[in-house]
Protein backbone atom coordinates (compact mmCIF):
# COMPACT_ATOMS: atom_id res chain seq x y z
CA UNK A 1 52.90 108.57 36.96
CA UNK A 2 53.56 110.22 33.57
CA UNK A 3 52.22 108.03 30.75
CA UNK A 4 51.31 109.25 27.25
CA UNK A 5 49.56 107.24 24.54
CA UNK A 6 50.49 108.21 20.96
CA UNK A 7 47.65 107.19 18.65
CA UNK A 8 46.94 107.58 14.94
CA UNK A 9 43.77 109.52 14.14
CA UNK A 10 43.28 108.48 10.51
CA UNK A 11 43.89 105.29 8.51
CA UNK A 12 47.42 104.75 9.81
CA UNK A 13 50.64 106.04 8.21
CA UNK A 14 50.33 109.32 10.12
CA UNK A 15 54.07 109.33 11.00
CA UNK A 16 53.51 108.15 14.57
CA UNK A 17 57.01 106.69 14.57
CA UNK A 18 58.54 110.12 13.98
CA UNK A 19 56.47 111.59 16.83
CA UNK A 20 57.43 108.78 19.22
CA UNK A 21 61.08 109.13 18.23
CA UNK A 22 60.95 112.87 18.97
CA UNK A 23 59.30 112.35 22.37
CA UNK A 24 61.75 109.56 23.18
CA UNK A 25 64.39 112.17 23.93
CA UNK A 26 62.67 112.56 27.32
CA UNK A 27 61.17 109.07 27.68
CA UNK A 28 62.38 106.33 29.99
CA UNK A 29 60.34 103.57 28.36
CA UNK A 30 58.67 103.20 24.95
CA UNK A 31 55.97 100.54 24.71
CA UNK A 32 54.31 98.99 21.67
CA UNK A 33 50.84 97.72 22.53
CA UNK A 34 49.09 96.37 19.41
CA UNK A 35 49.43 95.07 15.88
CA UNK A 36 52.39 93.26 14.41
CA UNK A 37 54.86 93.55 11.58
CA UNK A 38 52.10 95.09 9.45
CA UNK A 39 53.09 98.36 11.11
CA UNK A 40 55.60 100.55 9.30
CA UNK A 41 57.08 103.26 11.51
CA UNK A 42 59.81 105.25 9.75
CA UNK A 43 62.32 107.38 11.62
CA UNK A 44 64.87 109.56 9.80
CA UNK A 45 67.63 110.73 12.13
CA UNK A 46 71.39 111.27 12.21
CA UNK A 47 71.68 110.58 8.50
CA UNK A 48 70.02 107.16 8.79
CA UNK A 49 66.56 105.83 8.02
CA UNK A 50 65.05 103.33 10.43
CA UNK A 51 62.06 101.23 9.40
CA UNK A 52 60.43 99.66 12.42
CA UNK A 53 57.75 96.98 12.15
CA UNK A 54 57.82 95.36 15.60
CA UNK A 55 60.44 97.19 17.66
CA UNK A 56 59.17 100.48 19.14
CA UNK A 57 60.50 103.65 17.52
CA UNK A 58 62.26 104.65 20.74
CA UNK A 59 65.00 102.20 19.75
CA UNK A 60 66.42 104.80 17.33
CA UNK A 61 67.47 106.77 20.43
CA UNK A 62 68.60 103.67 22.29
CA UNK A 63 65.74 103.81 24.78
CA UNK A 64 64.45 100.85 26.75
CA UNK A 65 61.56 99.38 24.72
CA UNK A 66 58.78 96.91 25.41
CA UNK A 67 56.76 94.79 22.96
CA UNK A 68 53.49 94.15 24.76
CA UNK A 69 51.10 91.24 25.11
CA UNK A 70 48.70 92.71 22.53
CA UNK A 71 51.24 92.36 19.72
CA UNK A 72 51.24 89.60 17.10
CA UNK A 73 54.91 88.73 17.40
CA UNK A 74 56.82 87.46 14.36
CA UNK A 75 60.20 86.17 15.63
CA UNK A 76 61.81 86.27 12.20
CA UNK A 77 60.95 89.94 11.67
CA UNK A 78 62.19 90.70 15.19
CA UNK A 79 65.53 89.04 14.46
CA UNK A 80 65.88 91.06 11.27
CA UNK A 81 65.14 94.35 13.03
CA UNK A 82 67.52 93.68 15.90
CA UNK A 83 70.21 92.80 13.37
CA UNK A 84 69.57 96.02 11.44
CA UNK A 85 69.84 98.11 14.62
CA UNK A 86 73.10 96.44 15.57
CA UNK A 87 74.45 97.03 12.06
CA UNK A 88 73.81 100.75 12.62
CA UNK A 89 75.72 100.62 15.88
CA UNK A 90 72.65 100.98 18.06
CA UNK A 91 72.45 99.36 21.43
CA UNK A 92 69.42 97.10 21.73
CA UNK A 93 67.39 97.17 24.95
CA UNK A 94 64.05 95.46 24.28
CA UNK A 95 61.70 93.34 26.37
CA UNK A 96 59.30 90.99 24.57
CA UNK A 97 56.16 89.97 26.46
CA UNK A 98 55.79 86.29 27.20
CA UNK A 99 52.06 86.82 26.60
CA UNK A 100 52.44 88.13 23.04
CA UNK A 101 50.77 86.06 20.31
CA UNK A 102 53.27 83.97 18.36
CA UNK A 103 52.96 84.60 14.63
CA UNK A 104 54.24 81.62 12.65
CA UNK A 105 55.13 81.20 8.96
CA UNK A 106 51.82 79.56 8.08
CA UNK A 107 49.94 82.65 9.29
CA UNK A 108 51.64 84.71 6.58
CA UNK A 109 50.92 82.11 3.94
CA UNK A 110 47.26 81.94 4.98
CA UNK A 111 47.01 85.73 4.86
CA UNK A 112 48.38 85.78 1.33
CA UNK A 113 46.03 83.08 0.08
CA UNK A 114 42.78 84.13 1.74
CA UNK A 115 41.51 87.62 2.61
CA UNK A 116 44.60 89.64 1.73
CA UNK A 117 43.42 90.75 -1.68
CA UNK A 118 39.82 91.63 -0.88
CA UNK A 119 40.56 93.53 2.33
CA UNK A 120 43.85 95.06 1.23
CA UNK A 121 45.90 93.55 4.07
CA UNK A 122 49.70 93.65 4.20
CA UNK A 123 49.84 89.83 4.04
CA UNK A 124 52.03 89.77 7.14
CA UNK A 125 49.84 87.12 8.79
CA UNK A 126 48.29 89.42 11.35
CA UNK A 127 44.63 88.45 10.85
CA UNK A 128 45.24 84.67 10.88
CA UNK A 129 47.45 84.98 13.99
CA UNK A 130 44.82 86.94 15.92
CA UNK A 131 42.16 84.52 14.66
CA UNK A 132 44.08 81.66 16.27
CA UNK A 133 44.56 83.75 19.43
CA UNK A 134 40.80 84.17 19.79
CA UNK A 135 40.14 80.53 18.94
CA UNK A 136 42.50 79.63 21.82
CA UNK A 137 42.90 75.98 20.90
CA UNK A 138 45.08 76.91 17.92
CA UNK A 139 46.77 79.95 19.44
CA UNK A 140 50.37 79.91 20.68
CA UNK A 141 52.17 82.57 22.68
CA UNK A 142 55.82 83.50 23.10
CA UNK A 143 55.78 81.72 26.45
CA UNK A 144 54.81 78.47 24.72
CA UNK A 145 58.00 78.65 22.67
CA UNK A 146 59.96 78.30 25.93
CA UNK A 147 57.80 75.60 27.51
CA UNK A 148 59.00 72.03 27.78
CA UNK A 149 56.04 70.75 25.79
CA UNK A 150 56.24 73.21 22.85
CA UNK A 151 56.71 70.37 20.38
CA UNK A 152 53.57 68.66 21.67
CA UNK A 153 51.57 71.90 21.53
CA UNK A 154 52.73 72.68 17.99
CA UNK A 155 51.82 69.19 16.78
CA UNK A 156 48.30 69.53 18.22
CA UNK A 157 47.84 72.94 16.55
CA UNK A 158 49.00 71.64 13.17
CA UNK A 159 46.70 68.64 13.39
CA UNK A 160 43.75 70.95 14.13
CA UNK A 161 44.71 73.27 11.27
CA UNK A 162 45.76 70.64 8.71
CA UNK A 163 42.55 70.80 6.67
CA UNK A 164 42.65 74.60 6.61
CA UNK A 165 46.31 74.63 5.58
CA UNK A 166 45.66 72.16 2.78
CA UNK A 167 42.61 74.07 1.49
CA UNK A 168 44.72 77.21 1.27
CA UNK A 169 47.51 75.26 -0.45
CA UNK A 170 49.90 76.17 2.38
CA UNK A 171 50.51 72.53 3.22
CA UNK A 172 51.28 70.60 0.06
CA UNK A 173 53.32 67.67 1.31
CA UNK A 174 53.66 65.56 4.39
CA UNK A 175 52.47 67.13 7.67
CA UNK A 176 55.33 65.52 9.59
CA UNK A 177 57.94 67.16 7.37
CA UNK A 178 56.30 70.56 7.79
CA UNK A 179 56.14 70.05 11.55
CA UNK A 180 59.82 69.13 11.78
CA UNK A 181 60.84 72.16 9.74
CA UNK A 182 58.90 74.45 12.08
CA UNK A 183 60.55 72.79 15.09
CA UNK A 184 63.97 73.42 13.55
CA UNK A 185 63.20 77.09 12.97
CA UNK A 186 61.66 77.41 16.43
CA UNK A 187 64.96 76.34 18.00
CA UNK A 188 66.70 79.26 16.24
CA UNK A 189 64.03 81.72 17.42
CA UNK A 190 64.20 80.40 20.98
CA UNK A 191 67.94 80.86 21.32
CA UNK A 192 67.82 84.36 19.83
CA UNK A 193 64.86 85.49 21.93
CA UNK A 194 66.00 84.14 25.28
CA UNK A 195 67.73 87.37 26.45
CA UNK A 196 64.71 89.52 25.47
CA UNK A 197 61.67 87.83 27.03
CA UNK A 198 60.00 89.09 30.19
CA UNK A 199 56.87 90.35 31.92
CA UNK A 200 55.62 93.48 30.19
CA UNK A 201 52.93 94.23 32.75
CA UNK A 202 55.47 94.23 35.60
CA UNK A 203 58.07 96.37 33.83
CA UNK A 204 55.62 99.00 32.59
CA UNK A 205 53.59 99.32 35.80
CA UNK A 206 56.74 99.59 37.90
CA UNK A 207 58.10 102.31 35.62
CA UNK A 208 54.86 104.30 35.92
CA UNK A 209 54.80 103.84 39.70
CA UNK A 210 58.37 105.20 39.91
CA UNK A 211 57.37 108.33 38.00
CA UNK A 212 59.21 107.38 34.80
CA UNK A 213 57.98 108.88 31.52
CA UNK A 214 56.37 106.06 29.54
CA UNK A 215 55.33 106.49 25.90
CA UNK A 216 52.80 104.00 24.52
CA UNK A 217 53.18 103.64 20.75
CA UNK A 218 50.13 102.53 18.79
CA UNK A 219 50.24 100.88 15.37
CA UNK A 220 47.89 101.66 12.45
CA UNK A 221 45.18 104.29 13.05
CA UNK A 222 41.82 104.75 14.75
CA UNK A 223 39.79 104.15 11.59
CA UNK A 224 41.45 100.72 11.26
CA UNK A 225 40.51 99.60 14.79
CA UNK A 226 38.86 96.17 14.70
CA UNK A 227 35.93 97.41 16.82
CA UNK A 228 35.78 101.13 16.10
CA UNK A 229 37.04 101.42 12.52
CA UNK A 230 35.44 100.99 9.09
CA UNK A 231 34.83 97.26 9.55
CA UNK A 232 35.57 94.99 7.71
CA UNK A 233 38.24 97.22 6.12
CA UNK A 234 40.24 97.29 9.32
CA UNK A 235 43.19 95.63 10.98
CA UNK A 236 42.79 92.87 13.59
CA UNK A 237 43.75 94.65 16.80
CA UNK A 238 42.74 97.53 19.09
CA UNK A 239 44.45 100.55 17.58
CA UNK A 240 42.71 103.12 19.81
CA UNK A 241 44.22 104.56 22.99
CA UNK A 242 42.34 102.07 25.15
CA UNK A 243 44.34 99.32 23.48
CA UNK A 244 47.35 100.48 25.49
CA UNK A 245 45.65 99.23 28.65
CA UNK A 246 44.55 95.86 27.30
CA UNK A 247 47.66 95.38 25.16
CA UNK A 248 50.09 95.70 28.05
CA UNK A 249 48.12 95.34 31.26
CA UNK A 250 47.92 98.80 32.83
CA UNK A 251 45.00 100.59 34.41
CA UNK A 252 43.18 103.31 32.46
CA UNK A 253 43.90 105.48 35.51
CA UNK A 254 47.61 105.23 34.69
CA UNK A 255 47.24 107.11 31.39
CA UNK A 256 47.82 110.85 31.83
CA UNK A 257 47.43 112.11 28.26
CA UNK A 258 46.53 111.00 24.75
CA UNK A 259 48.47 112.57 21.89
CA UNK A 260 46.74 112.18 18.53
CA UNK A 261 48.78 112.19 15.33
CA UNK A 262 47.38 113.22 11.96
CA UNK A 263 48.74 114.25 8.61
CA UNK A 264 47.87 117.67 7.24
CA UNK A 265 45.87 115.68 4.68
CA UNK A 266 44.56 112.10 4.60
CA UNK A 267 45.94 108.87 3.18
CA UNK A 268 44.87 105.25 3.12
CA UNK A 269 46.42 101.97 1.99
CA UNK A 270 44.20 99.19 0.72
CA UNK A 271 40.46 98.89 0.25
CA UNK A 272 37.69 100.67 2.12
CA UNK A 273 35.75 103.96 2.11
CA UNK A 274 37.63 107.25 1.78
CA UNK A 275 35.26 110.26 1.56
CA UNK A 276 37.85 112.95 0.73
CA UNK A 277 39.90 110.88 -1.72
CA UNK A 278 41.52 112.76 -4.61
CA UNK A 279 42.31 111.49 -8.09
CA UNK A 280 44.32 112.69 -11.05
CA UNK A 281 46.92 115.45 -10.88
CA UNK A 282 46.02 116.65 -7.37
CA UNK A 283 46.41 113.14 -6.01
CA UNK A 284 49.72 112.66 -7.79
CA UNK A 285 50.98 115.99 -6.41
CA UNK A 286 50.26 114.95 -2.82
CA UNK A 287 51.47 111.39 -3.29
CA UNK A 288 54.82 112.35 -4.79
CA UNK A 289 55.52 115.30 -2.50
CA UNK A 290 54.53 113.30 0.57
CA UNK A 291 56.30 110.08 -0.47
CA UNK A 292 53.03 108.25 0.03
CA UNK A 293 54.15 104.68 -0.45
CA UNK A 294 53.66 102.05 2.25
CA UNK A 295 56.63 101.40 4.56
CA UNK A 296 55.65 97.75 4.88
CA UNK A 297 54.26 97.00 1.41
CA UNK A 298 55.65 99.72 -0.86
CA UNK A 299 52.14 100.15 -2.29
CA UNK A 300 51.12 103.66 -3.39
CA UNK A 301 48.75 105.16 -0.85
CA UNK A 302 45.42 106.71 -1.72
CA UNK A 303 45.43 110.39 -0.76
CA UNK A 304 42.85 113.10 -0.14
CA UNK A 305 42.00 116.30 1.71
CA UNK A 306 41.99 116.55 5.49
CA UNK A 307 38.83 115.04 7.00
CA UNK A 308 37.64 116.85 10.15
CA UNK A 309 34.61 114.56 10.79
CA UNK A 310 37.03 111.64 10.94
CA UNK A 311 39.31 113.51 13.33
CA UNK A 312 36.36 114.48 15.53
CA UNK A 313 35.41 110.81 15.76
CA UNK A 314 39.00 109.87 16.61
CA UNK A 315 39.20 112.57 19.26
CA UNK A 316 36.00 111.26 20.79
CA UNK A 317 36.91 107.57 21.07
CA UNK A 318 40.52 108.21 22.11
CA UNK A 319 40.12 111.18 24.41
CA UNK A 320 42.70 113.17 22.45
CA UNK A 321 43.85 116.29 24.25
CA UNK A 322 47.00 117.07 22.26
CA UNK A 323 47.76 117.00 18.56
CA UNK A 324 50.84 116.38 16.43
CA UNK A 325 50.41 117.41 12.79
CA UNK A 326 52.75 115.79 10.29
CA UNK A 327 53.71 116.64 6.71
CA UNK A 328 52.40 120.19 6.84
CA UNK A 329 55.10 121.17 4.35
CA UNK A 330 53.65 118.81 1.73
CA UNK A 331 50.72 121.19 1.14
CA UNK A 332 53.10 124.05 0.24
CA UNK A 333 52.56 125.63 -3.15
CA UNK A 334 48.78 125.16 -3.20
CA UNK A 335 46.88 128.45 -3.51
CA UNK A 336 43.77 127.09 -1.83
CA UNK A 337 43.46 124.05 0.42
CA UNK A 338 40.22 122.20 0.98
CA UNK A 339 39.21 120.74 4.33
CA UNK A 340 36.10 118.60 4.89
CA UNK A 341 34.16 119.92 7.91
CA UNK A 342 31.08 117.67 7.63
CA UNK A 343 29.56 114.83 5.61
CA UNK A 344 26.23 114.76 3.85
CA UNK A 345 24.80 111.23 3.89
CA UNK A 346 21.38 110.58 2.38
CA UNK A 347 20.49 114.26 2.80
CA UNK A 348 21.55 114.44 6.47
CA UNK A 349 24.58 116.34 7.75
CA UNK A 350 27.10 114.56 9.98
CA UNK A 351 29.78 116.50 11.85
CA UNK A 352 31.23 113.31 13.36
CA UNK A 353 32.13 110.51 10.96
CA UNK A 354 29.93 107.41 11.31
CA UNK A 355 32.47 104.56 11.58
CA UNK A 356 30.60 102.25 9.22
CA UNK A 357 31.86 101.32 5.78
CA UNK A 358 28.41 101.51 4.21
CA UNK A 359 27.64 105.02 5.45
CA UNK A 360 31.12 106.39 4.81
CA UNK A 361 31.07 105.06 1.26
CA UNK A 362 27.99 107.25 0.63
CA UNK A 363 29.36 110.32 2.39
CA UNK A 364 29.65 113.54 0.39
CA UNK A 365 32.18 115.86 2.03
CA UNK A 366 31.18 119.42 2.87
CA UNK A 367 34.29 121.49 2.25
CA UNK A 368 35.66 124.84 3.33
CA UNK A 369 38.67 126.40 1.62
CA UNK A 370 41.64 127.88 3.44
CA UNK A 371 44.48 130.01 2.12
CA UNK A 372 47.52 128.08 1.00
CA UNK A 373 51.14 129.05 1.55
CA UNK A 374 54.25 129.18 -0.57
CA UNK A 375 57.31 126.98 -0.33
CA UNK A 376 59.81 128.30 2.22
CA UNK A 377 63.10 127.36 3.84
CA UNK A 378 61.58 125.08 6.44
CA UNK A 379 64.90 124.46 8.19
CA UNK A 380 65.10 128.16 8.87
CA UNK A 381 61.55 128.16 10.22
CA UNK A 382 62.40 125.31 12.60
CA UNK A 383 65.53 127.11 13.82
CA UNK A 384 63.65 130.36 14.42
CA UNK A 385 60.84 128.65 16.31
CA UNK A 386 57.07 128.56 16.52
CA UNK A 387 56.50 132.29 16.08
CA UNK A 388 58.15 132.21 12.65
CA UNK A 389 55.47 129.91 11.20
CA UNK A 390 53.87 131.62 8.16
CA UNK A 391 50.51 133.25 8.85
CA UNK A 392 48.55 130.98 6.49
CA UNK A 393 50.13 127.85 7.93
CA UNK A 394 49.44 129.01 11.45
CA UNK A 395 45.81 129.67 10.46
CA UNK A 396 45.59 126.06 9.22
CA UNK A 397 46.89 124.75 12.56
CA UNK A 398 44.62 127.00 14.59
CA UNK A 399 41.64 125.92 12.49
CA UNK A 400 42.30 122.29 13.46
CA UNK A 401 42.70 123.21 17.11
CA UNK A 402 39.35 125.01 17.16
CA UNK A 403 37.51 122.28 15.30
CA UNK A 404 38.89 119.49 17.53
CA UNK A 405 39.30 121.38 20.81
CA UNK A 406 42.91 120.24 21.20
CA UNK A 407 46.34 121.81 21.70
CA UNK A 408 49.01 121.33 19.02
CA UNK A 409 52.36 120.25 20.45
CA UNK A 410 54.38 119.90 17.25
CA UNK A 411 54.22 120.00 13.47
CA UNK A 412 56.36 118.10 10.99
CA UNK A 413 57.99 120.16 8.24
CA UNK A 414 60.03 117.33 6.77
CA UNK A 415 60.80 113.66 7.38
CA UNK A 416 63.97 114.21 9.44
CA UNK A 417 63.89 114.34 13.23
CA UNK A 418 65.32 117.87 13.21
CA UNK A 419 62.48 119.07 10.96
CA UNK A 420 59.98 118.92 13.83
CA UNK A 421 58.75 122.35 14.91
CA UNK A 422 57.90 122.43 18.60
CA UNK A 423 54.83 124.34 19.80
CA UNK A 424 54.61 125.88 23.30
CA UNK A 425 52.04 123.25 24.31
CA UNK A 426 54.69 120.51 24.23
CA UNK A 427 56.59 122.11 27.06
CA UNK A 428 53.32 122.45 28.98
CA UNK A 429 52.49 118.77 28.40
CA UNK A 430 55.87 117.35 29.37
CA UNK A 431 56.34 119.86 32.15
CA UNK A 432 53.05 118.93 33.78
CA UNK A 433 53.80 115.21 33.56
CA UNK A 434 57.54 114.81 33.96
CA UNK A 435 58.93 118.21 34.94
CA UNK A 436 60.53 118.65 31.51
CA UNK A 437 60.97 122.05 29.89
CA UNK A 438 61.70 122.16 26.17
């Protein structure tokens, strides 16, 4: 029962989409288990750039994909993404869980008018949609869209939320007019979605039972997990590996491996603590070389040195056994590279990051310096294979492996699919699970 969870180990934007796309060559099923259209997974392949927000990244290879129950599902974004895939000539094979939370237009408007600015959200309506899900009486699911009494359910929800919608200036006119407009749009969503809906828990569990290779794709990163991240500067879902079980409906015993993804440095979008953050010319160098602008928002990302205490914490709560390092080429040209190996907080050393905004905001990084490496022909390095990796770059990778007690399976030396350098451990991982040799 080969099942791998791909999880971000930092603040999101670790290039998980590129890792999932690479692994999808051997996958039978790619499953998205959390978040919503606030995710931005970019895949560059075959001369095209794919920007996924809801659809799993396996779609770039035409793989069967599943959007799980744990997702906040925006039907309008889904329609746009399916249309974009079809425009690129890609076959679309996606199942949408009937249990997924239905994200409606007013959720996005509420997000924009309320907490979006202070918490640095993407304003995609994710928080308000999950808030309604937990409230239950105001939550709607994809299945409700196809029920005979959807109109009645929607009216009840709007009546319960009317005061909130008016306070936020979302509802300015007559409630009946707003209700009728939503019903009209819902009819369009319903007809478009009808061929896609199904039972995620049945499809995924049956695939695992048949020995199919299933890749679970997480959105955002560990430090943005609603329970285990730097609360309140977090997203509204379970971003950690355990979210794959609750977000789809599979047993923890079905997960064979957790593959953590990190950048060779750190980045963050929005507000919240960032112990290794850089400013000035060093920050601009990393930001421009790494193209550090949000896929979903276009906002410039905050950037900083690699943070080992954060990665140790992520390894701990996710059970990471394998590592994919992205954007290693971005550090090229630096003579010396700093890496934080511990924090000092109020005079006490911490080797594992405390996941609390207050403590992390007071953390002083304890750095070591490693040798940098010069710019090289990375395409040639990829062609020649793992052994051709420059000595200083290999030392950087091996340093991470020792500090985190993990095996590196691949490194990214550019944004394109073909710029992924495969390590021997990838063949070991896939061979042990699915009989695949790279």
